[in-house]
Amino acid sequence: AGGAMALAIGATGVMVTSPAYAAEEAKKDWGLMAPTVFASHDSDNFDVVKVGAGLLPVYQNGQDYWGVSAARNFYSAPDWSAVGSQLSLVKRDINPQNGLGHNLSLGVNRIYDRDLLTADLNYSAMLNATTNYEAFFTRDRVETKNSLMGGIAYNFYGASIENRFAPRWAAVGFLGQQQFTDDNIRNHVRAKLIYDLFPVEGINVQLRHRQYHDSHDLTGNYFNPKNYQEQMLALGMRRRLNDWQLSGLIGLGRQKISDDPRTTTRLVEFEGVSPIANKVFLRAKAGYSESAGFNGPNYRYEYFQADLIFPF
């Protein structure tokens, strides 16, 4: 879910101002966001498909708008399926040159005739010429079979700070806390050291660390080991190509779940964002990961999401 936290974006390459953005008129049209698509599949044969649309009464470009959106959510596992819905107020205001700004989604999620107030709030800004920060708050359902049936949700909040301490070097630190409605509390710590290997091409090397600690013992609702740690070496990319904004990450790491032996993890992600001046705006992302899960250290997860926006 939310993962919704892309901590490497700000430091993965030098953003170059494009004349297309500078010349764009500050006009506000209506926008139609259709479709919005999210699909995921994992090695436990748990599938999620979310299909929606939105109406944007104020639409300046694909990174600056507000409006309402609705989605239908389909969940399935062997011998089980469920359908839910989501209605949200959405607002986005992101600077396309540096990726900083804010976006929010406030809504109501319904499944099994139970309503949940949801939120996805994110704000990032510069502290000075070499440092920026990001703060977020997310409230949503835990999307596993047992958690959806039991109505388990979470609040997740935290902040990160990124400092470019040398021309090719940057460091990112993150602290967060996730509070589940089954009384489990998960404390998160993450850190990254980033080196711009080929700055002109937007290619960097990242040394990444993450860990979390759960206050409760294992449950059958979701994967919650007492302690989890991962160290990963990754190759990242972020660059503009004909005003398309492209970013990607390939990582290989080692993980440790409580007192178990260390095992291998993998991560692949790619995101493409069309020029904001395009008549049709596209934002798409796909990813694949191998890490720990309910059934051992080789849990696999893959996803795809995309938004299309048409101004009118």
C-alpha atoms as a PDB file:
ATOM      1  CA  ALA A   1       0.000   0.000   0.000  1.00  0.00           C
ATOM      2  CA  GLY A   2       1.159   3.170   0.433  1.00  0.00           C
ATOM      3  CA  GLY A   3       4.368   2.506  -0.035  1.00  0.00           C
ATOM      4  CA  ALA A   4       3.954   4.697  -1.077  1.00  0.00           C
ATOM      5  CA  MET A   5       7.117   6.667  -0.140  1.00  0.00           C
ATOM      6  CA  ALA A   6       9.662   7.233  -2.934  1.00  0.00           C
ATOM      7  CA  LEU A   7      12.632   8.326  -0.822  1.00  0.00           C
ATOM      8  CA  ALA A   8      15.247   8.318  -3.605  1.00  0.00           C
ATOM      9  CA  ILE A   9      13.498  10.578  -6.074  1.00  0.00           C
ATOM     10  CA  GLY A  10      14.938  13.890  -4.980  1.00  0.00           C
ATOM     11  CA  ALA A  11      18.569  12.814  -5.059  1.00  0.00           C
ATOM     12  CA  THR A  12      18.767  10.506  -8.027  1.00  0.00           C
ATOM     13  CA  GLY A  13      19.818  13.011 -10.645  1.00  0.00           C
ATOM     14  CA  VAL A  14      20.052  16.659 -11.595  1.00  0.00           C
ATOM     15  CA  MET A  15      16.765  17.990 -12.924  1.00  0.00           C
ATOM     16  CA  VAL A  16      17.097  20.209 -15.993  1.00  0.00           C
ATOM     17  CA  THR A  17      14.515  22.932 -16.585  1.00  0.00           C
ATOM     18  CA  SER A  18      12.655  22.355 -19.841  1.00  0.00           C
ATOM     19  CA  PRO A  19      11.467  25.226 -22.045  1.00  0.00           C
ATOM     20  CA  ALA A  20       8.177  23.361 -22.512  1.00  0.00           C
ATOM     21  CA  TYR A  21       7.380  23.798 -18.814  1.00  0.00           C
ATOM     22  CA  ALA A  22       8.528  27.429 -18.688  1.00  0.00           C
ATOM     23  CA  ALA A  23       6.376  28.315 -21.662  1.00  0.00           C
ATOM     24  CA  GLU A  24       3.251  26.558 -20.469  1.00  0.00           C
ATOM     25  CA  GLU A  25       0.364  28.941 -19.864  1.00  0.00           C
ATOM     26  CA  ALA A  26      -1.061  29.082 -16.347  1.00  0.00           C
ATOM     27  CA  LYS A  27      -4.553  28.123 -17.431  1.00  0.00           C
ATOM     28  CA  LYS A  28      -7.001  25.965 -15.513  1.00  0.00           C
ATOM     29  CA  ASP A  29      -9.203  23.527 -17.426  1.00  0.00           C
ATOM     30  CA  TRP A  30     -11.359  20.634 -16.325  1.00  0.00           C
ATOM     31  CA  GLY A  31      -9.760  17.224 -16.369  1.00  0.00           C
ATOM     32  CA  LEU A  32     -11.034  13.678 -16.716  1.00  0.00           C
ATOM     33  CA  MET A  33      -8.902  11.076 -14.936  1.00  0.00           C
ATOM     34  CA  ALA A  34      -9.833   7.832 -16.653  1.00  0.00           C
ATOM     35  CA  PRO A  35      -8.916   5.191 -16.131  1.00  0.00           C
ATOM     36  CA  THR A  36      -6.939   4.804 -12.932  1.00  0.00           C
ATOM     37  CA  VAL A  37      -5.659   1.239 -12.675  1.00  0.00           C
ATOM     38  CA  PHE A  38      -3.819  -0.734 -10.028  1.00  0.00           C
ATOM     39  CA  ALA A  39      -3.137  -4.475 -10.206  1.00  0.00           C
ATOM     40  CA  SER A  40      -0.967  -6.723  -8.043  1.00  0.00           C
ATOM     41  CA  HIS A  41      -0.221 -10.413  -7.659  1.00  0.00           C
ATOM     42  CA  ASP A  42       1.917 -12.300  -5.146  1.00  0.00           C
ATOM     43  CA  SER A  43       3.297 -15.763  -4.581  1.00  0.00           C
ATOM     44  CA  ASP A  44       0.467 -16.502  -2.101  1.00  0.00           C
ATOM     45  CA  ASN A  45      -1.959 -16.139  -5.058  1.00  0.00           C
ATOM     46  CA  PHE A  46      -3.525 -13.020  -3.569  1.00  0.00           C
ATOM     47  CA  ASP A  47      -4.684 -10.659  -6.328  1.00  0.00           C
ATOM     48  CA  VAL A  48      -5.816  -7.045  -6.182  1.00  0.00           C
ATOM     49  CA  VAL A  49      -7.362  -5.036  -9.030  1.00  0.00           C
ATOM     50  CA  LYS A  50      -8.537  -1.445  -8.574  1.00  0.00           C
ATOM     51  CA  VAL A  51     -10.213   0.413 -11.429  1.00  0.00           C
ATOM     52  CA  GLY A  52     -11.482   3.960 -11.146  1.00  0.00           C
ATOM     53  CA  ALA A  53     -12.044   7.386 -12.657  1.00  0.00           C
ATOM     54  CA  GLY A  54     -11.993  10.969 -11.485  1.00  0.00           C
ATOM     55  CA  LEU A  55     -13.411  14.383 -12.366  1.00  0.00           C
ATOM     56  CA  LEU A  56     -11.045  17.336 -11.878  1.00  0.00           C
ATOM     57  CA  PRO A  57     -12.840  20.736 -11.851  1.00  0.00           C
ATOM     58  CA  VAL A  58      -9.485  22.513 -11.564  1.00  0.00           C
ATOM     59  CA  TYR A  59      -6.828  21.067 -13.857  1.00  0.00           C
ATOM     60  CA  GLN A  60      -3.681  22.967 -14.789  1.00  0.00           C
ATOM     61  CA  ASN A  61      -1.541  19.981 -15.718  1.00  0.00           C
ATOM     62  CA  GLY A  62      -0.853  16.407 -14.679  1.00  0.00           C
ATOM     63  CA  GLN A  63       1.012  17.547 -11.566  1.00  0.00           C
ATOM     64  CA  ASP A  64      -1.374  20.353 -10.520  1.00  0.00           C
ATOM     65  CA  TYR A  65      -5.082  19.642 -10.023  1.00  0.00           C
ATOM     66  CA  TRP A  66      -7.868  18.863  -7.577  1.00  0.00           C
ATOM     67  CA  GLY A  67     -11.133  16.956  -7.846  1.00  0.00           C
ATOM     68  CA  VAL A  68     -12.931  13.748  -6.877  1.00  0.00           C
ATOM     69  CA  SER A  69     -12.272  10.126  -7.778  1.00  0.00           C
ATOM     70  CA  ALA A  70     -14.091   6.820  -7.381  1.00  0.00           C
ATOM     71  CA  ALA A  71     -12.768   3.277  -7.642  1.00  0.00           C
ATOM     72  CA  ARG A  72     -13.979  -0.303  -7.480  1.00  0.00           C
ATOM     73  CA  ASN A  73     -11.618  -2.697  -5.679  1.00  0.00           C
ATOM     74  CA  PHE A  74     -11.521  -6.431  -6.410  1.00  0.00           C
ATOM     75  CA  TYR A  75      -9.679  -8.894  -4.128  1.00  0.00           C
ATOM     76  CA  SER A  76      -9.246 -12.614  -4.704  1.00  0.00           C
ATOM     77  CA  ALA A  77      -7.427 -15.618  -3.287  1.00  0.00           C
ATOM     78  CA  PRO A  78      -7.990 -19.364  -3.678  1.00  0.00           C
ATOM     79  CA  ASP A  79     -11.634 -20.085  -2.677  1.00  0.00           C
ATOM     80  CA  TRP A  80     -12.292 -16.446  -1.682  1.00  0.00           C
ATOM     81  CA  SER A  81     -13.087 -13.082  -3.230  1.00  0.00           C
ATOM     82  CA  ALA A  82     -14.394  -9.693  -2.109  1.00  0.00           C
ATOM     83  CA  VAL A  83     -15.345  -6.385  -3.683  1.00  0.00           C
ATOM     84  CA  GLY A  84     -14.962  -2.933  -2.162  1.00  0.00           C
ATOM     85  CA  SER A  85     -15.227   0.701  -3.213  1.00  0.00           C
ATOM     86  CA  GLN A  86     -13.436   3.990  -2.627  1.00  0.00           C
ATOM     87  CA  LEU A  87     -14.633   7.599  -2.983  1.00  0.00           C
ATOM     88  CA  SER A  88     -12.002  10.320  -2.509  1.00  0.00           C
ATOM     89  CA  LEU A  89     -11.231  13.996  -2.718  1.00  0.00           C
ATOM     90  CA  VAL A  90      -7.854  14.345  -4.461  1.00  0.00           C
ATOM     91  CA  LYS A  91      -5.442  17.262  -4.784  1.00  0.00           C
ATOM     92  CA  ARG A  92      -1.958  17.400  -6.271  1.00  0.00           C
ATOM     93  CA  ASP A  93       0.572  20.229  -6.625  1.00  0.00           C
ATOM     94  CA  ILE A  94       4.053  18.961  -7.529  1.00  0.00           C
ATOM     95  CA  ASN A  95       6.890  20.998  -9.027  1.00  0.00           C
ATOM     96  CA  PRO A  96       7.876  18.991 -12.135  1.00  0.00           C
ATOM     97  CA  GLN A  97      11.465  20.249 -12.007  1.00  0.00           C
ATOM     98  CA  ASN A  98      12.358  18.964  -8.525  1.00  0.00           C
ATOM     99  CA  GLY A  99       9.501  16.615  -7.569  1.00  0.00           C
ATOM    100  CA  LEU A 100       8.654  18.634  -4.437  1.00  0.00           C
ATOM    101  CA  GLY A 101       5.202  19.790  -3.377  1.00  0.00           C
ATOM    102  CA  HIS A 102       2.155  18.122  -1.922  1.00  0.00           C
ATOM    103  CA  ASN A 103      -0.540  15.626  -2.797  1.00  0.00           C
ATOM    104  CA  LEU A 104      -3.476  14.401  -0.776  1.00  0.00           C
ATOM    105  CA  SER A 105      -6.350  11.994  -0.942  1.00  0.00           C
ATOM    106  CA  LEU A 106      -9.161  11.981   1.637  1.00  0.00           C
ATOM    107  CA  GLY A 107     -11.954   9.477   1.254  1.00  0.00           C
ATOM    108  CA  VAL A 108     -14.220   6.691   2.393  1.00  0.00           C
ATOM    109  CA  ASN A 109     -13.456   3.033   1.752  1.00  0.00           C
ATOM    110  CA  ARG A 110     -16.226   0.414   1.992  1.00  0.00           C
ATOM    111  CA  ILE A 111     -16.002  -3.377   2.106  1.00  0.00           C
ATOM    112  CA  TYR A 112     -18.182  -5.961   3.882  1.00  0.00           C
ATOM    113  CA  ASP A 113     -20.618  -3.064   4.616  1.00  0.00           C
ATOM    114  CA  ARG A 114     -17.972  -1.406   6.803  1.00  0.00           C
ATOM    115  CA  ASP A 115     -16.787   2.144   6.105  1.00  0.00           C
ATOM    116  CA  LEU A 116     -13.317   3.464   6.832  1.00  0.00           C
ATOM    117  CA  LEU A 117     -12.154   7.061   6.578  1.00  0.00           C
ATOM    118  CA  THR A 118      -8.929   6.971   4.572  1.00  0.00           C
ATOM    119  CA  ALA A 119      -6.152   9.486   4.016  1.00  0.00           C
ATOM    120  CA  ASP A 120      -2.960   9.741   2.010  1.00  0.00           C
ATOM    121  CA  LEU A 121      -1.159  13.029   2.724  1.00  0.00           C
ATOM    122  CA  ASN A 122       2.339  13.929   1.577  1.00  0.00           C
ATOM    123  CA  TYR A 123       4.246  17.221   1.744  1.00  0.00           C
ATOM    124  CA  SER A 124       7.849  17.914   0.690  1.00  0.00           C
ATOM    125  CA  ALA A 125       9.854  21.134   0.444  1.00  0.00           C
ATOM    126  CA  MET A 126      13.361  22.598   0.477  1.00  0.00           C
ATOM    127  CA  LEU A 127      14.988  23.538   3.784  1.00  0.00           C
ATOM    128  CA  ASN A 128      17.930  25.142   1.992  1.00  0.00           C
ATOM    129  CA  ALA A 129      19.922  24.753  -1.235  1.00  0.00           C
ATOM    130  CA  THR A 130      21.212  21.279  -0.275  1.00  0.00           C
ATOM    131  CA  THR A 131      18.503  19.858   2.007  1.00  0.00           C
ATOM    132  CA  ASN A 132      14.847  18.956   1.580  1.00  0.00           C
ATOM    133  CA  TYR A 133      12.331  17.106   3.732  1.00  0.00           C
ATOM    134  CA  GLU A 134       9.173  15.055   3.324  1.00  0.00           C
ATOM    135  CA  ALA A 135       6.355  14.396   5.816  1.00  0.00           C
ATOM    136  CA  PHE A 136       3.446  11.994   5.295  1.00  0.00           C
ATOM    137  CA  PHE A 137       0.368  10.461   6.896  1.00  0.00           C
ATOM    138  CA  THR A 138      -1.522   7.442   5.553  1.00  0.00           C
ATOM    139  CA  ARG A 139      -4.653   5.758   6.862  1.00  0.00           C
ATOM    140  CA  ASP A 140      -5.922   2.694   5.006  1.00  0.00           C
ATOM    141  CA  ARG A 141      -6.955  -0.935   5.238  1.00  0.00           C
ATOM    142  CA  VAL A 142      -4.456  -3.776   5.546  1.00  0.00           C
ATOM    143  CA  GLU A 143      -4.954  -5.627   2.275  1.00  0.00           C
ATOM    144  CA  THR A 144      -4.696  -9.301   3.152  1.00  0.00           C
ATOM    145  CA  LYS A 145      -7.564 -11.773   3.202  1.00  0.00           C
ATOM    146  CA  ASN A 146      -7.771 -12.051   7.003  1.00  0.00           C
ATOM    147  CA  SER A 147      -7.340  -8.309   7.546  1.00  0.00           C
ATOM    148  CA  LEU A 148     -10.023  -7.345   5.039  1.00  0.00           C
ATOM    149  CA  MET A 149     -12.438  -9.833   6.574  1.00  0.00           C
ATOM    150  CA  GLY A 150     -11.569  -8.630  10.086  1.00  0.00           C
ATOM    151  CA  GLY A 151     -11.677  -4.914   9.300  1.00  0.00           C
ATOM    152  CA  ILE A 152      -8.043  -4.240  10.262  1.00  0.00           C
ATOM    153  CA  ALA A 153      -6.650  -0.841   9.282  1.00  0.00           C
ATOM    154  CA  TYR A 154      -3.567   1.217  10.106  1.00  0.00           C
ATOM    155  CA  ASN A 155      -2.284   4.765  10.576  1.00  0.00           C
ATOM    156  CA  PHE A 156       1.208   5.346   9.195  1.00  0.00           C
ATOM    157  CA  TYR A 157       3.061   8.619   9.692  1.00  0.00           C
ATOM    158  CA  GLY A 158       6.652   9.763   9.483  1.00  0.00           C
ATOM    159  CA  ALA A 159       9.195  12.044   7.871  1.00  0.00           C
ATOM    160  CA  SER A 160      12.450  11.921   5.932  1.00  0.00           C
ATOM    161  CA  ILE A 161      15.263  14.374   5.346  1.00  0.00           C
ATOM    162  CA  GLU A 162      17.648  14.388   2.397  1.00  0.00           C
ATOM    163  CA  ASN A 163      20.964  16.237   2.306  1.00  0.00           C
ATOM    164  CA  ARG A 164      23.338  16.625  -0.633  1.00  0.00           C
ATOM    165  CA  PHE A 165      26.558  16.975   1.352  1.00  0.00           C
ATOM    166  CA  ALA A 166      28.923  16.858  -1.653  1.00  0.00           C
ATOM    167  CA  PRO A 167      28.531  17.422  -5.408  1.00  0.00           C
ATOM    168  CA  ARG A 168      27.923  13.714  -6.106  1.00  0.00           C
ATOM    169  CA  TRP A 169      26.842  12.490  -2.680  1.00  0.00           C
ATOM    170  CA  ALA A 170      23.507  12.569  -0.863  1.00  0.00           C
ATOM    171  CA  ALA A 171      22.147  10.943   2.292  1.00  0.00           C
ATOM    172  CA  VAL A 172      18.532  10.215   3.235  1.00  0.00           C
ATOM    173  CA  GLY A 173      17.184   9.369   6.692  1.00  0.00           C
ATOM    174  CA  PHE A 174      13.634   8.253   7.522  1.00  0.00           C
ATOM    175  CA  LEU A 175      11.665   7.606  10.720  1.00  0.00           C
ATOM    176  CA  GLY A 176       8.075   6.391  10.817  1.00  0.00           C
ATOM    177  CA  GLN A 177       5.503   4.636  12.969  1.00  0.00           C
ATOM    178  CA  GLN A 178       2.664   2.383  11.834  1.00  0.00           C
ATOM    179  CA  GLN A 179      -0.220   1.830  14.260  1.00  0.00           C
ATOM    180  CA  PHE A 180      -2.532  -1.084  13.455  1.00  0.00           C
ATOM    181  CA  THR A 181      -6.078  -1.368  14.779  1.00  0.00           C
ATOM    182  CA  ASP A 182      -5.239  -4.787  16.276  1.00  0.00           C
ATOM    183  CA  ASP A 183      -2.976  -2.849  18.731  1.00  0.00           C
ATOM    184  CA  ASN A 184       0.279  -3.752  16.985  1.00  0.00           C
ATOM    185  CA  ILE A 185       2.767  -0.875  16.621  1.00  0.00           C
ATOM    186  CA  ARG A 186       5.526  -1.035  14.011  1.00  0.00           C
ATOM    187  CA  ASN A 187       8.476   1.384  14.220  1.00  0.00           C
ATOM    188  CA  HIS A 188      10.384   2.009  10.971  1.00  0.00           C
ATOM    189  CA  VAL A 189      13.947   3.234  10.366  1.00  0.00           C
ATOM    190  CA  ARG A 190      15.411   3.695   6.889  1.00  0.00           C
ATOM    191  CA  ALA A 191      18.596   5.240   5.514  1.00  0.00           C
ATOM    192  CA  LYS A 192      20.232   5.633   2.117  1.00  0.00           C
ATOM    193  CA  LEU A 193      23.604   6.770   0.860  1.00  0.00           C
ATOM    194  CA  ILE A 194      23.495   7.837  -2.797  1.00  0.00           C
ATOM    195  CA  TYR A 195      26.405   8.423  -5.183  1.00  0.00           C
ATOM    196  CA  ASP A 196      25.806   9.973  -8.617  1.00  0.00           C
ATOM    197  CA  LEU A 197      27.819   7.580 -10.750  1.00  0.00           C
ATOM    198  CA  PHE A 198      27.007   9.281 -14.076  1.00  0.00           C
ATOM    199  CA  PRO A 199      25.326  12.608 -13.238  1.00  0.00           C
ATOM    200  CA  VAL A 200      24.601  13.656 -16.825  1.00  0.00           C
ATOM    201  CA  GLU A 201      22.865  10.362 -17.549  1.00  0.00           C
ATOM    202  CA  GLY A 202      21.068  10.443 -14.174  1.00  0.00           C
ATOM    203  CA  ILE A 203      22.527   7.107 -12.998  1.00  0.00           C
ATOM    204  CA  ASN A 204      23.407   6.565  -9.349  1.00  0.00           C
ATOM    205  CA  VAL A 205      24.420   3.857  -6.892  1.00  0.00           C
ATOM    206  CA  GLN A 206      22.518   3.497  -3.612  1.00  0.00           C
ATOM    207  CA  LEU A 207      23.367   1.752  -0.373  1.00  0.00           C
ATOM    208  CA  ARG A 208      20.010   1.219   1.353  1.00  0.00           C
ATOM    209  CA  HIS A 209      19.089   0.048   4.852  1.00  0.00           C
ATOM    210  CA  ARG A 210      15.659  -0.503   6.367  1.00  0.00           C
ATOM    211  CA  GLN A 211      14.395  -2.116   9.507  1.00  0.00           C
ATOM    212  CA  TYR A 212      11.247  -2.304  11.587  1.00  0.00           C
ATOM    213  CA  HIS A 213      10.158  -3.704  14.928  1.00  0.00           C
ATOM    214  CA  ASP A 214       6.677  -4.996  15.818  1.00  0.00           C
ATOM    215  CA  SER A 215       5.296  -4.696  19.327  1.00  0.00           C
ATOM    216  CA  HIS A 216       3.120  -7.828  19.030  1.00  0.00           C
ATOM    217  CA  ASP A 217       3.916 -11.440  18.309  1.00  0.00           C
ATOM    218  CA  LEU A 218       3.069 -13.082  14.999  1.00  0.00           C
ATOM    219  CA  THR A 219      -0.559 -13.044  13.930  1.00  0.00           C
ATOM    220  CA  GLY A 220      -2.350 -14.545  10.955  1.00  0.00           C
ATOM    221  CA  ASN A 221      -3.657 -11.180   9.786  1.00  0.00           C
ATOM    222  CA  TYR A 222      -0.511  -9.945   8.022  1.00  0.00           C
ATOM    223  CA  PHE A 223       3.225 -10.558   7.988  1.00  0.00           C
ATOM    224  CA  ASN A 224       4.620  -9.078  11.211  1.00  0.00           C
ATOM    225  CA  PRO A 225       7.909 -10.530  12.429  1.00  0.00           C
ATOM    226  CA  LYS A 226       9.218  -9.192  15.699  1.00  0.00           C
ATOM    227  CA  ASN A 227      12.245  -7.696  13.922  1.00  0.00           C
ATOM    228  CA  TYR A 228      13.075  -7.217  10.267  1.00  0.00           C
ATOM    229  CA  GLN A 229      16.258  -5.845   8.659  1.00  0.00           C
ATOM    230  CA  GLU A 230      17.379  -5.428   5.056  1.00  0.00           C
ATOM    231  CA  GLN A 231      20.532  -4.034   3.468  1.00  0.00           C
ATOM    232  CA  MET A 232      20.518  -3.514  -0.304  1.00  0.00           C
ATOM    233  CA  LEU A 233      22.863  -2.271  -3.011  1.00  0.00           C
ATOM    234  CA  ALA A 234      20.900  -0.698  -5.852  1.00  0.00           C
ATOM    235  CA  LEU A 235      21.456   0.971  -9.200  1.00  0.00           C
ATOM    236  CA  GLY A 236      19.079   3.883  -9.760  1.00  0.00           C
ATOM    237  CA  MET A 237      18.214   6.052 -12.724  1.00  0.00           C
ATOM    238  CA  ARG A 238      16.340   9.323 -13.118  1.00  0.00           C
ATOM    239  CA  ARG A 239      16.409  11.443 -16.254  1.00  0.00           C
ATOM    240  CA  ARG A 240      14.365  13.333 -18.802  1.00  0.00           C
ATOM    241  CA  LEU A 241      13.972  12.048 -22.350  1.00  0.00           C
ATOM    242  CA  ASN A 242      12.044  14.351 -24.695  1.00  0.00           C
ATOM    243  CA  ASP A 243      10.419  15.836 -21.566  1.00  0.00           C
ATOM    244  CA  TRP A 244       9.353  12.399 -20.343  1.00  0.00           C
ATOM    245  CA  GLN A 245      10.457  11.842 -16.754  1.00  0.00           C
ATOM    246  CA  LEU A 246      11.831   8.324 -16.369  1.00  0.00           C
ATOM    247  CA  SER A 247      13.090   6.667 -13.191  1.00  0.00           C
ATOM    248  CA  GLY A 248      14.051   3.151 -12.258  1.00  0.00           C
ATOM    249  CA  LEU A 249      15.757   1.011  -9.638  1.00  0.00           C
ATOM    250  CA  ILE A 250      17.382  -2.430  -9.611  1.00  0.00           C
ATOM    251  CA  GLY A 251      18.505  -3.737  -6.229  1.00  0.00           C
ATOM    252  CA  LEU A 252      19.971  -6.849  -4.637  1.00  0.00           C
ATOM    253  CA  GLY A 253      20.131  -7.255  -0.870  1.00  0.00           C
ATOM    254  CA  ARG A 254      20.166  -9.433   2.223  1.00  0.00           C
ATOM    255  CA  GLN A 255      17.419  -9.651   4.835  1.00  0.00           C
ATOM    256  CA  LYS A 256      17.164 -10.971   8.387  1.00  0.00           C
ATOM    257  CA  ILE A 257      13.843 -11.902   9.992  1.00  0.00           C
ATOM    258  CA  SER A 258      14.165 -12.020  13.791  1.00  0.00           C
ATOM    259  CA  ASP A 259      16.626 -14.849  14.610  1.00  0.00           C
ATOM    260  CA  ASP A 260      16.449 -16.590  11.210  1.00  0.00           C
ATOM    261  CA  PRO A 261      19.509 -16.810   8.916  1.00  0.00           C
ATOM    262  CA  ARG A 262      20.041 -14.070   6.353  1.00  0.00           C
ATOM    263  CA  THR A 263      18.480 -14.567   2.917  1.00  0.00           C
ATOM    264  CA  THR A 264      18.473 -12.742  -0.424  1.00  0.00           C
ATOM    265  CA  THR A 265      16.089  -9.955  -1.489  1.00  0.00           C
ATOM    266  CA  ARG A 266      15.533  -8.366  -4.897  1.00  0.00           C
ATOM    267  CA  LEU A 267      13.779  -5.225  -6.095  1.00  0.00           C
ATOM    268  CA  VAL A 268      12.994  -3.851  -9.568  1.00  0.00           C
ATOM    269  CA  GLU A 269      10.931  -0.695 -10.162  1.00  0.00           C
ATOM    270  CA  PHE A 270      10.278   1.561 -13.135  1.00  0.00           C
ATOM    271  CA  GLU A 271       8.198   4.739 -13.466  1.00  0.00           C
ATOM    272  CA  GLY A 272       7.371   6.900 -16.474  1.00  0.00           C
ATOM    273  CA  VAL A 273       5.667  10.301 -16.428  1.00  0.00           C
ATOM    274  CA  SER A 274       4.698  12.020 -19.669  1.00  0.00           C
ATOM    275  CA  PRO A 275       5.375  15.725 -20.313  1.00  0.00           C
ATOM    276  CA  ILE A 276       2.849  17.724 -18.309  1.00  0.00           C
ATOM    277  CA  ALA A 277       2.102  19.867 -21.356  1.00  0.00           C
ATOM    278  CA  ASN A 278       0.789  16.816 -23.270  1.00  0.00           C
ATOM    279  CA  LYS A 279      -2.870  16.829 -24.200  1.00  0.00           C
ATOM    280  CA  VAL A 280      -3.079  13.392 -22.574  1.00  0.00           C
ATOM    281  CA  PHE A 281      -1.077  12.982 -19.355  1.00  0.00           C
ATOM    282  CA  LEU A 282       0.182   9.523 -18.338  1.00  0.00           C
ATOM    283  CA  ARG A 283       1.776   8.420 -15.097  1.00  0.00           C
ATOM    284  CA  ALA A 284       2.662   4.709 -14.896  1.00  0.00           C
ATOM    285  CA  LYS A 285       4.695   2.575 -12.501  1.00  0.00           C
ATOM    286  CA  ALA A 286       5.535  -1.126 -12.263  1.00  0.00           C
ATOM    287  CA  GLY A 287       7.571  -3.163  -9.803  1.00  0.00           C
ATOM    288  CA  TYR A 288       8.708  -6.601  -8.688  1.00  0.00           C
ATOM    289  CA  SER A 289      10.169  -7.641  -5.342  1.00  0.00           C
ATOM    290  CA  GLU A 290      11.343 -10.756  -3.538  1.00  0.00           C
ATOM    291  CA  SER A 291      11.443 -10.570   0.257  1.00  0.00           C
ATOM    292  CA  ALA A 292       9.973 -12.270   3.319  1.00  0.00           C
ATOM    293  CA  GLY A 293       6.320 -13.198   3.777  1.00  0.00           C
ATOM    294  CA  PHE A 294       3.915 -15.544   5.531  1.00  0.00           C
ATOM    295  CA  ASN A 295       5.356 -18.650   3.920  1.00  0.00           C
ATOM    296  CA  GLY A 296       9.062 -17.929   4.246  1.00  0.00           C
ATOM    297  CA  PRO A 297      11.819 -15.680   2.909  1.00  0.00           C
ATOM    298  CA  ASN A 298      10.977 -16.035  -0.802  1.00  0.00           C
ATOM    299  CA  TYR A 299       7.730 -14.086  -0.987  1.00  0.00           C
ATOM    300  CA  ARG A 300       7.265 -12.507  -4.449  1.00  0.00           C
ATOM    301  CA  TYR A 301       5.152  -9.444  -5.224  1.00  0.00           C
ATOM    302  CA  GLU A 302       4.528  -7.636  -8.488  1.00  0.00           C
ATOM    303  CA  TYR A 303       2.342  -4.649  -9.321  1.00  0.00           C
ATOM    304  CA  PHE A 304       1.357  -2.182 -12.025  1.00  0.00           C
ATOM    305  CA  GLN A 305      -0.436   1.151 -11.713  1.00  0.00           C
ATOM    306  CA  ALA A 306      -1.311   3.898 -14.169  1.00  0.00           C
ATOM    307  CA  ASP A 307      -3.322   7.114 -14.401  1.00  0.00           C
ATOM    308  CA  LEU A 308      -4.503   8.769 -17.611  1.00  0.00           C
ATOM    309  CA  ILE A 309      -5.786  12.362 -17.548  1.00  0.00           C
ATOM    310  CA  PHE A 310      -7.557  14.172 -20.384  1.00  0.00           C
ATOM    311  CA  PRO A 311      -8.100  17.953 -20.101  1.00  0.00           C
ATOM    312  CA  PHE A 312     -11.252  19.480 -21.545  1.00  0.00           C
END
